[in-house]
Amino acid sequence: MLGKDDSKQSKHPYEHWGFLSPFYALGLRIRHFLFDHKIFSSRKHPLKTIGVGNLDLGGTGKTPLVEYLLRYLGEGDDLAVLSRGYGRNSKSLQEIRVDSSFAESGDELLQIKQKFPNVHVVASSDRNKGMEYLQRRSPKIKCVVLDDNFQHRQLQVDHQILLTSYQEPYFTNHLFPKGSLRDLAERAKEADFLLVTKCPSRITKGERASFYKHTGRTVGEIAFSSLEYHCAYALLDRKKTLKIDKTTSVLLLTGIAKPKPLLDKVRQDYQLLEHLCFDDHYVFAKTDLAEAFRVFLKQNPKGIILTTEKDAIRLLELKAWIAKEKLPIYVIGISCCFIEGEEAFKHKISALNAQ
């Protein structure tokens, strides 16, 4: 039995409050008017910046794209990532270390730092203070990737990438709470480049044409990507990997915004019996998991528990319990894989970096 699956849930759980969306829209229009007319200030910094953002409340695949950018730009100490650090307990500016705790950093930034130890990773709710810190921190830094920045207009960005998902593009969505947009759909035109994420591997010519039509963008201004799933590895031993096998019974544990693509992948590769689904960035506690894990493993002695890299960061807070119980928890990683438009995307990034 799948737990808390999305098959019976409303697509937008707060849509019954949709009558409030026009008031939210009015507030957003006033805010953007104040920035557009320089009543609210917006700062430009000497360091080159690449923004990765979206109009949606979450689940468009920002972190895989940030990781793609870091790989493409060289993974060196001349790069930095700056973000709010969602889910962390601290409000102050923090430079993330490989051994930082989830409470200090939040899950996504700690995941990035552990994958790219040479890159400077900073959490700051005030992006301008974060930029100032990075300028003082190292004269080597040439480019800062701003994660989840699209709504933070206090900071001017050299090249803004906007993400929207294939399953729910911004032009078919509605403003919160009727839908899941946190900003006006018309703001999409302010982005320099649009990336359609989580596409099926065989997106048709007609489907691509529909995105060009509805977004008003031309070739070279839009790209299409999918998620590439990696070989799963044991949470407490990365050298131990999991073979794809349809006979393997799986309990899937997620605390991410939109788990459906992962659900589809796990159903394809394994025998998915149960899905424990929590809210995005949910901080797992032993009491949330112990009974469900016990019952599942009792009924399926050779079964495994599968989770995401982002969830694994939070699960490691329970490392002692997991090790004591010898829980067979495996982690499945993802990366951004371009279907169309990768060369145009790389060209724009390279041109910025060469300036």
Protein backbone atom coordinates (compact mmCIF):
# COMPACT_ATOMS: atom_id res chain seq x y z
CA MET A 1 0.00 0.00 0.00
CA LEU A 2 1.35 3.42 -0.90
CA GLY A 3 1.31 5.90 1.93
CA LYS A 4 0.12 9.46 1.38
CA ASP A 5 0.53 9.10 -2.38
CA ASP A 6 -0.45 11.86 -4.76
CA SER A 7 -3.14 9.88 -6.55
CA LYS A 8 -5.95 11.00 -4.24
CA GLN A 9 -4.60 14.36 -3.19
CA SER A 10 -5.59 17.67 -4.69
CA LYS A 11 -3.02 18.96 -7.15
CA HIS A 12 -2.88 22.17 -5.13
CA PRO A 13 -3.89 21.52 -1.51
CA TYR A 14 -4.84 25.14 -0.75
CA GLU A 15 -6.83 25.81 -3.92
CA HIS A 16 -10.06 26.17 -1.90
CA TRP A 17 -8.54 29.47 -0.74
CA GLY A 18 -8.13 30.52 -4.37
CA PHE A 19 -10.34 33.58 -3.93
CA LEU A 20 -7.37 35.15 -2.11
CA SER A 21 -5.09 34.91 -5.16
CA PRO A 22 -6.11 38.33 -6.59
CA PHE A 23 -5.08 40.00 -3.33
CA TYR A 24 -1.73 38.22 -3.43
CA ALA A 25 -1.34 39.34 -7.06
CA LEU A 26 -2.02 42.94 -6.07
CA GLY A 27 0.67 42.80 -3.39
CA LEU A 28 3.16 41.38 -5.88
CA ARG A 29 2.34 44.06 -8.48
CA ILE A 30 2.89 46.82 -5.92
CA ARG A 31 6.22 45.29 -4.89
CA HIS A 32 7.47 44.97 -8.48
CA PHE A 33 6.30 48.53 -9.25
CA LEU A 34 8.40 49.84 -6.37
CA PHE A 35 11.49 48.00 -7.65
CA ASP A 36 10.86 48.93 -11.30
CA HIS A 37 10.63 52.62 -10.40
CA LYS A 38 13.67 52.46 -8.09
CA ILE A 39 11.68 53.29 -4.97
CA PHE A 40 13.08 50.05 -3.59
CA SER A 41 16.79 49.73 -4.28
CA SER A 42 18.55 46.90 -6.11
CA ARG A 43 22.33 46.49 -5.96
CA LYS A 44 24.86 45.35 -8.55
CA HIS A 45 28.05 43.66 -7.31
CA PRO A 46 31.47 43.29 -9.01
CA LEU A 47 31.34 39.49 -8.96
CA LYS A 48 29.66 37.79 -11.93
CA THR A 49 26.39 36.17 -11.00
CA ILE A 50 24.20 33.42 -12.46
CA GLY A 51 20.72 33.13 -10.98
CA VAL A 52 18.82 29.85 -10.83
CA GLY A 53 15.21 30.40 -9.89
CA ASN A 54 11.57 29.60 -10.59
CA LEU A 55 8.07 30.98 -10.29
CA ASP A 56 6.79 27.86 -8.56
CA LEU A 57 6.84 27.19 -4.83
CA GLY A 58 9.27 24.32 -5.43
CA GLY A 59 9.99 21.06 -7.15
CA THR A 60 11.36 22.31 -10.48
CA GLY A 61 14.87 20.86 -10.10
CA LYS A 62 16.98 23.87 -9.12
CA THR A 63 19.63 21.90 -7.20
CA PRO A 64 20.46 19.51 -10.10
CA LEU A 65 20.94 22.54 -12.36
CA VAL A 66 23.18 24.28 -9.80
CA GLU A 67 25.29 21.12 -9.68
CA TYR A 68 25.37 21.00 -13.50
CA LEU A 69 26.62 24.60 -13.60
CA LEU A 70 29.34 23.91 -11.04
CA ARG A 71 30.58 20.92 -13.04
CA TYR A 72 30.54 22.88 -16.28
CA LEU A 73 32.38 25.83 -14.73
CA GLY A 74 35.09 23.61 -13.26
CA GLU A 75 34.18 22.87 -9.60
CA GLY A 76 37.04 25.09 -8.41
CA ASP A 77 37.60 27.55 -5.57
CA ASP A 78 36.91 30.42 -7.98
CA LEU A 79 33.20 29.50 -7.77
CA ALA A 80 30.62 30.12 -5.07
CA VAL A 81 27.00 29.24 -4.34
CA LEU A 82 24.82 31.64 -2.41
CA SER A 83 21.36 30.78 -1.12
CA ARG A 84 19.01 31.34 1.79
CA GLY A 85 19.69 27.83 3.08
CA TYR A 86 16.09 26.73 3.51
CA GLY A 87 15.35 24.61 6.57
CA ARG A 88 18.35 25.63 8.67
CA ASN A 89 17.92 26.77 12.26
CA SER A 90 20.41 29.61 12.07
CA LYS A 91 19.35 33.02 10.74
CA SER A 92 22.86 34.42 10.50
CA LEU A 93 25.21 34.25 7.51
CA GLN A 94 27.00 30.91 7.43
CA GLU A 95 29.77 29.56 5.22
CA ILE A 96 28.99 25.87 4.82
CA ARG A 97 31.69 23.28 5.52
CA VAL A 98 31.73 19.65 4.42
CA ASP A 99 31.20 18.67 8.07
CA SER A 100 28.52 21.29 8.79
CA SER A 101 25.31 20.06 10.35
CA PHE A 102 21.94 20.18 8.63
CA ALA A 103 20.80 22.63 11.32
CA GLU A 104 23.53 25.08 10.28
CA SER A 105 23.20 24.76 6.54
CA GLY A 106 19.90 23.29 5.40
CA ASP A 107 19.78 20.13 3.27
CA GLU A 108 20.41 21.45 -0.25
CA LEU A 109 23.46 23.58 0.53
CA LEU A 110 25.10 20.83 2.58
CA GLN A 111 24.47 18.39 -0.27
CA ILE A 112 26.16 20.81 -2.70
CA LYS A 113 29.15 21.41 -0.42
CA GLN A 114 29.74 17.70 0.12
CA LYS A 115 29.69 17.12 -3.65
CA PHE A 116 31.84 20.15 -4.46
CA PRO A 117 34.19 20.66 -1.51
CA ASN A 118 36.33 23.26 -3.31
CA VAL A 119 33.38 25.55 -4.06
CA HIS A 120 32.50 28.27 -1.53
CA VAL A 121 28.95 27.68 -0.29
CA VAL A 122 27.26 30.41 1.75
CA ALA A 123 23.82 30.63 3.36
CA SER A 124 22.45 34.12 3.85
CA SER A 125 18.87 35.37 3.89
CA ASP A 126 20.26 38.77 2.87
CA ARG A 127 21.81 38.12 -0.55
CA ASN A 128 23.62 41.47 -0.62
CA LYS A 129 25.39 40.70 2.65
CA GLY A 130 26.23 37.28 1.27
CA MET A 131 27.79 38.85 -1.83
CA GLU A 132 29.78 41.29 0.31
CA TYR A 133 31.07 38.39 2.41
CA LEU A 134 32.17 36.45 -0.68
CA GLN A 135 33.99 39.48 -2.07
CA ARG A 136 35.94 39.78 1.19
CA ARG A 137 36.32 36.02 1.58
CA SER A 138 38.43 35.28 -1.47
CA PRO A 139 39.88 37.35 -4.32
CA LYS A 140 39.83 34.17 -6.44
CA ILE A 141 36.05 34.04 -6.72
CA LYS A 142 34.98 34.89 -10.27
CA CYS A 143 31.39 33.69 -10.41
CA VAL A 144 28.58 33.20 -7.89
CA VAL A 145 25.64 30.88 -8.59
CA LEU A 146 22.57 32.24 -6.82
CA ASP A 147 20.26 29.39 -5.86
CA ASP A 148 16.53 30.23 -5.66
CA ASN A 149 16.99 33.95 -6.30
CA PHE A 150 14.26 34.96 -8.77
CA GLN A 151 12.08 36.73 -6.19
CA HIS A 152 15.02 38.49 -4.49
CA ARG A 153 15.12 41.71 -6.47
CA GLN A 154 17.37 43.51 -3.99
CA LEU A 155 20.29 42.00 -5.92
CA GLN A 156 20.87 42.46 -9.66
CA VAL A 157 21.93 39.36 -11.59
CA ASP A 158 24.09 39.15 -14.70
CA HIS A 159 22.36 36.10 -16.17
CA GLN A 160 19.04 34.79 -14.90
CA ILE A 161 17.94 31.22 -15.62
CA LEU A 162 14.28 30.43 -14.96
CA LEU A 163 13.13 26.85 -14.46
CA THR A 164 9.66 25.50 -15.11
CA SER A 165 8.58 21.87 -15.07
CA TYR A 166 7.26 19.99 -18.10
CA GLN A 167 4.42 18.53 -15.97
CA GLU A 168 3.18 21.92 -14.76
CA PRO A 169 4.63 24.86 -16.71
CA TYR A 170 4.09 28.31 -15.28
CA PHE A 171 1.75 29.32 -18.15
CA THR A 172 -0.80 26.64 -17.17
CA ASN A 173 -0.47 27.24 -13.43
CA HIS A 174 -2.12 29.78 -11.13
CA LEU A 175 -0.92 32.08 -8.41
CA PHE A 176 -0.93 30.72 -4.87
CA PRO A 177 -3.20 29.64 -3.19
CA LYS A 178 -5.26 28.75 -6.27
CA GLY A 179 -2.14 27.21 -7.78
CA SER A 180 1.50 26.88 -6.81
CA LEU A 181 3.01 30.02 -8.35
CA ARG A 182 4.68 32.33 -5.85
CA ASP A 183 5.17 35.11 -8.40
CA LEU A 184 3.35 36.50 -11.39
CA ALA A 185 3.56 34.39 -14.56
CA GLU A 186 4.32 37.53 -16.58
CA ARG A 187 7.60 37.88 -14.68
CA ALA A 188 8.98 34.95 -16.72
CA LYS A 189 9.92 37.38 -19.49
CA GLU A 190 12.53 38.94 -17.18
CA ALA A 191 14.67 35.79 -17.32
CA ASP A 192 17.52 35.54 -19.81
CA PHE A 193 17.02 31.83 -20.40
CA LEU A 194 14.22 29.34 -19.76
CA LEU A 195 14.87 25.69 -18.89
CA VAL A 196 11.99 23.22 -19.03
CA THR A 197 12.81 20.51 -16.51
CA LYS A 198 11.66 16.95 -15.77
CA CYS A 199 10.74 16.29 -19.41
CA PRO A 200 10.13 12.75 -20.64
CA SER A 201 13.14 11.43 -22.56
CA ARG A 202 11.13 11.44 -25.79
CA ILE A 203 9.48 14.86 -25.82
CA THR A 204 7.84 15.37 -29.21
CA LYS A 205 8.43 18.17 -31.69
CA GLY A 206 4.84 19.31 -31.15
CA GLU A 207 5.30 19.48 -27.37
CA ARG A 208 8.45 21.54 -27.78
CA ALA A 209 6.65 23.85 -30.21
CA SER A 210 3.91 24.38 -27.61
CA PHE A 211 6.47 25.66 -25.10
CA TYR A 212 7.94 28.06 -27.68
CA LYS A 213 4.44 29.33 -28.47
CA HIS A 214 3.26 29.82 -24.90
CA THR A 215 6.49 31.34 -23.60
CA GLY A 216 7.14 33.60 -26.58
CA ARG A 217 10.74 32.44 -26.73
CA THR A 218 12.81 31.53 -29.76
CA VAL A 219 15.53 28.95 -30.40
CA GLY A 220 18.55 29.78 -28.24
CA GLU A 221 16.42 31.14 -25.39
CA ILE A 222 14.95 27.87 -24.16
CA ALA A 223 16.21 24.35 -23.45
CA PHE A 224 14.61 21.08 -22.38
CA SER A 225 16.02 18.72 -19.78
CA SER A 226 15.17 15.55 -17.89
CA LEU A 227 16.36 13.96 -14.67
CA GLU A 228 18.99 11.26 -14.91
CA TYR A 229 18.84 8.79 -12.03
CA HIS A 230 22.08 7.28 -10.74
CA CYS A 231 22.87 3.90 -9.25
CA ALA A 232 21.62 3.83 -5.65
CA TYR A 233 24.20 3.47 -2.86
CA ALA A 234 23.96 2.55 0.82
CA LEU A 235 23.40 5.54 3.10
CA LEU A 236 26.19 4.54 5.48
CA ASP A 237 28.53 3.00 2.88
CA ARG A 238 28.74 4.72 -0.51
CA LYS A 239 30.81 1.83 -1.92
CA LYS A 240 27.87 -0.53 -1.51
CA THR A 241 25.56 -0.14 -4.50
CA LEU A 242 22.12 -1.48 -5.34
CA LYS A 243 21.36 -3.36 -8.53
CA ILE A 244 18.12 -2.62 -10.35
CA ASP A 245 15.82 -5.60 -9.82
CA LYS A 246 12.05 -5.73 -10.27
CA THR A 247 11.83 -8.35 -7.51
CA THR A 248 13.33 -6.03 -4.87
CA SER A 249 10.65 -4.79 -2.48
CA VAL A 250 10.98 -1.07 -1.78
CA LEU A 251 9.71 1.42 0.78
CA LEU A 252 10.28 4.88 -0.67
CA LEU A 253 10.88 7.71 1.80
CA THR A 254 10.63 11.29 0.53
CA GLY A 255 10.50 14.79 1.92
CA ILE A 256 10.64 16.67 -1.38
CA ALA A 257 8.20 19.01 -3.11
CA LYS A 258 7.07 16.90 -6.08
CA PRO A 259 8.01 13.21 -5.82
CA LYS A 260 5.96 11.90 -8.77
CA PRO A 261 8.87 11.59 -11.27
CA LEU A 262 10.82 9.64 -8.66
CA LEU A 263 7.79 7.46 -7.91
CA ASP A 264 7.51 6.63 -11.60
CA LYS A 265 11.21 5.73 -11.77
CA VAL A 266 11.09 3.51 -8.68
CA ARG A 267 7.96 1.74 -9.98
CA GLN A 268 9.82 1.11 -13.23
CA ASP A 269 12.94 -0.38 -11.61
CA TYR A 270 11.72 -2.04 -8.41
CA GLN A 271 8.65 -3.42 -6.67
CA LEU A 272 7.38 -0.30 -4.90
CA LEU A 273 5.19 -1.38 -1.99
CA GLU A 274 5.01 1.71 0.19
CA HIS A 275 5.68 5.44 -0.04
CA LEU A 276 6.24 7.49 3.12
CA CYS A 277 5.72 11.02 1.84
CA PHE A 278 6.54 14.06 3.98
CA ASP A 279 6.56 17.78 3.21
CA ASP A 280 9.52 19.36 1.44
CA HIS A 281 12.55 19.79 3.76
CA TYR A 282 10.79 17.85 6.54
CA VAL A 283 13.12 17.12 9.46
CA PHE A 284 12.80 13.39 10.09
CA ALA A 285 12.48 12.06 13.63
CA LYS A 286 12.82 8.47 14.78
CA THR A 287 9.17 8.51 15.84
CA ASP A 288 8.14 9.29 12.24
CA LEU A 289 9.89 6.28 10.81
CA ALA A 290 10.57 3.49 13.30
CA GLU A 291 7.20 1.70 13.22
CA ALA A 292 6.77 1.95 9.45
CA PHE A 293 10.29 0.65 8.87
CA ARG A 294 9.79 -2.20 11.36
CA VAL A 295 6.53 -3.38 9.81
CA PHE A 296 7.85 -3.12 6.25
CA LEU A 297 11.07 -5.05 6.96
CA LYS A 298 9.21 -7.69 8.98
CA GLN A 299 6.90 -8.33 6.02
CA ASN A 300 9.75 -7.99 3.50
CA PRO A 301 12.97 -9.31 5.12
CA LYS A 302 14.96 -8.73 1.91
CA GLY A 303 13.33 -5.38 1.20
CA ILE A 304 15.14 -2.05 1.13
CA ILE A 305 14.35 1.55 2.01
CA LEU A 306 15.06 4.02 -0.79
CA THR A 307 15.40 7.79 -0.44
CA THR A 308 16.83 10.85 -2.22
CA GLU A 309 20.16 12.61 -1.73
CA LYS A 310 18.40 15.62 -0.29
CA ASP A 311 16.48 13.47 2.19
CA ALA A 312 19.68 11.56 3.03
CA ILE A 313 21.22 14.76 4.40
CA ARG A 314 18.44 14.96 6.99
CA LEU A 315 18.36 11.21 7.62
CA LEU A 316 22.02 11.28 8.65
CA GLU A 317 20.93 13.17 11.77
CA LEU A 318 19.63 9.71 12.81
CA LYS A 319 22.85 7.94 11.84
CA ALA A 320 23.41 6.23 15.21
CA TRP A 321 19.91 4.70 15.22
CA ILE A 322 20.17 3.64 11.57
CA ALA A 323 23.53 1.95 12.22
CA LYS A 324 22.29 0.23 15.38
CA GLU A 325 19.21 -1.16 13.64
CA LYS A 326 21.22 -2.01 10.50
CA LEU A 327 18.52 -0.45 8.37
CA PRO A 328 18.98 -1.17 4.63
CA ILE A 329 18.64 2.44 3.47
CA TYR A 330 19.83 3.32 -0.03
CA VAL A 331 20.16 6.71 -1.69
CA ILE A 332 19.32 7.46 -5.30
CA GLY A 333 21.01 10.50 -6.82
CA ILE A 334 19.86 12.61 -9.76
CA SER A 335 21.46 14.97 -12.23
CA CYS A 336 20.27 17.36 -14.93
CA CYS A 337 20.40 15.85 -18.41
CA PHE A 338 19.71 18.08 -21.43
CA ILE A 339 17.45 16.81 -24.21
CA GLU A 340 17.61 19.87 -26.46
CA GLY A 341 19.26 23.29 -26.26
CA GLU A 342 22.36 22.36 -24.25
CA GLU A 343 24.81 24.02 -26.65
CA ALA A 344 22.86 27.29 -26.60
CA PHE A 345 22.75 27.10 -22.81
CA LYS A 346 26.50 26.46 -22.54
CA HIS A 347 27.24 29.25 -25.00
CA LYS A 348 25.41 31.81 -22.87
CA ILE A 349 27.16 30.64 -19.70
CA SER A 350 30.57 30.63 -21.41
CA ALA A 351 30.00 34.12 -22.83
CA LEU A 352 29.18 35.45 -19.37
CA ASN A 353 32.21 33.76 -17.84
CA ALA A 354 34.48 35.21 -20.53
CA GLN A 355 33.43 38.82 -19.86
